[in-house]
Amino acid sequence: MEIRILGPGCPRCEEVEKRTINALAELNVDADVQKVTDIKKISGYKVFATPALVINKKVKASGRIPSAKEIKQWLQEEK
């Protein structure tokens, strides 16, 4: 599974990363998690608001911090 957390490194982006890593651990799912902070790379995902969460090249959330429950649901859908 490929997960990208898009954002400049703000506290909101850090929270998305933390919730995502916790959800992966709870579900015992392996994933390649990377933070993307380069604005040009972020715009390549057609995301106009950060933080954003991308799972398997699909934008799941943009401009908000998704709940832990939402993240778990998305991870299970993408397994």
Protein backbone atom coordinates (compact mmCIF):
# COMPACT_ATOMS: atom_id res chain seq x y z
CA MET A 1 0.00 0.00 0.00
CA GLU A 2 1.28 3.45 -0.88
CA ILE A 3 0.36 6.39 1.35
CA ARG A 4 1.32 10.01 0.81
CA ILE A 5 0.70 12.79 3.30
CA LEU A 6 0.73 16.10 1.48
CA GLY A 7 1.52 19.39 3.18
CA PRO A 8 4.23 21.83 4.15
CA GLY A 9 4.91 20.16 7.51
CA CYS A 10 2.46 22.13 9.61
CA PRO A 11 0.96 20.76 12.87
CA ARG A 12 -2.20 19.73 10.97
CA CYS A 13 -0.09 17.68 8.54
CA GLU A 14 1.71 16.07 11.47
CA GLU A 15 -1.65 15.10 12.97
CA VAL A 16 -2.74 13.40 9.74
CA GLU A 17 0.54 11.49 9.68
CA LYS A 18 0.16 10.43 13.32
CA ARG A 19 -3.42 9.24 12.86
CA THR A 20 -2.47 7.35 9.69
CA ILE A 21 0.47 5.57 11.32
CA ASN A 22 -1.66 4.67 14.35
CA ALA A 23 -4.42 3.29 12.10
CA LEU A 24 -1.90 1.20 10.15
CA ALA A 25 -0.54 -0.23 13.41
CA GLU A 26 -4.02 -1.03 14.77
CA LEU A 27 -5.00 -2.79 11.54
CA ASN A 28 -1.57 -4.46 11.22
CA VAL A 29 -1.19 -3.20 7.64
CA ASP A 30 2.17 -2.62 5.96
CA ALA A 31 2.48 0.54 3.89
CA ASP A 32 5.01 2.82 2.28
CA VAL A 33 4.23 6.10 4.05
CA GLN A 34 5.90 9.26 2.77
CA LYS A 35 5.45 12.94 3.47
CA VAL A 36 5.34 15.18 0.42
CA THR A 37 6.25 18.78 1.19
CA ASP A 38 7.27 20.04 -2.27
CA ILE A 39 4.53 22.34 -3.59
CA LYS A 40 5.08 21.26 -7.22
CA LYS A 41 4.70 17.60 -6.27
CA ILE A 42 1.62 18.35 -4.17
CA SER A 43 0.00 20.18 -7.11
CA GLY A 44 0.64 17.06 -9.22
CA TYR A 45 -1.99 15.32 -7.10
CA LYS A 46 -4.46 18.08 -8.04
CA VAL A 47 -4.80 19.01 -4.38
CA PHE A 48 -5.45 22.66 -3.61
CA ALA A 49 -5.69 22.51 0.17
CA THR A 50 -3.50 20.77 2.70
CA PRO A 51 -3.21 18.63 4.65
CA ALA A 52 -4.15 15.89 2.22
CA LEU A 53 -4.10 12.13 2.46
CA VAL A 54 -3.50 9.99 -0.62
CA ILE A 55 -3.86 6.20 -0.48
CA ASN A 56 -2.83 4.16 -3.52
CA LYS A 57 -2.83 7.34 -5.65
CA LYS A 58 -6.40 8.24 -4.64
CA VAL A 59 -6.98 11.50 -2.77
CA LYS A 60 -9.05 10.55 0.26
CA ALA A 61 -9.03 13.87 2.14
CA SER A 62 -7.93 17.41 1.36
CA GLY A 63 -7.98 20.57 3.44
CA ARG A 64 -8.99 18.82 6.65
CA ILE A 65 -7.84 16.32 9.25
CA PRO A 66 -9.76 13.08 8.72
CA SER A 67 -10.90 11.16 11.79
CA ALA A 68 -9.10 7.99 12.84
CA LYS A 69 -12.27 6.07 11.97
CA GLU A 70 -12.29 7.46 8.42
CA ILE A 71 -8.63 6.61 7.91
CA LYS A 72 -9.16 3.04 9.12
CA GLN A 73 -12.12 2.63 6.77
CA TRP A 74 -10.09 3.88 3.78
CA LEU A 75 -7.18 1.60 4.65
CA GLN A 76 -9.48 -1.42 4.83
CA GLU A 77 -11.06 -0.50 1.47
CA GLU A 78 -7.61 -0.29 -0.15
CA LYS A 79 -6.15 -3.52 1.28
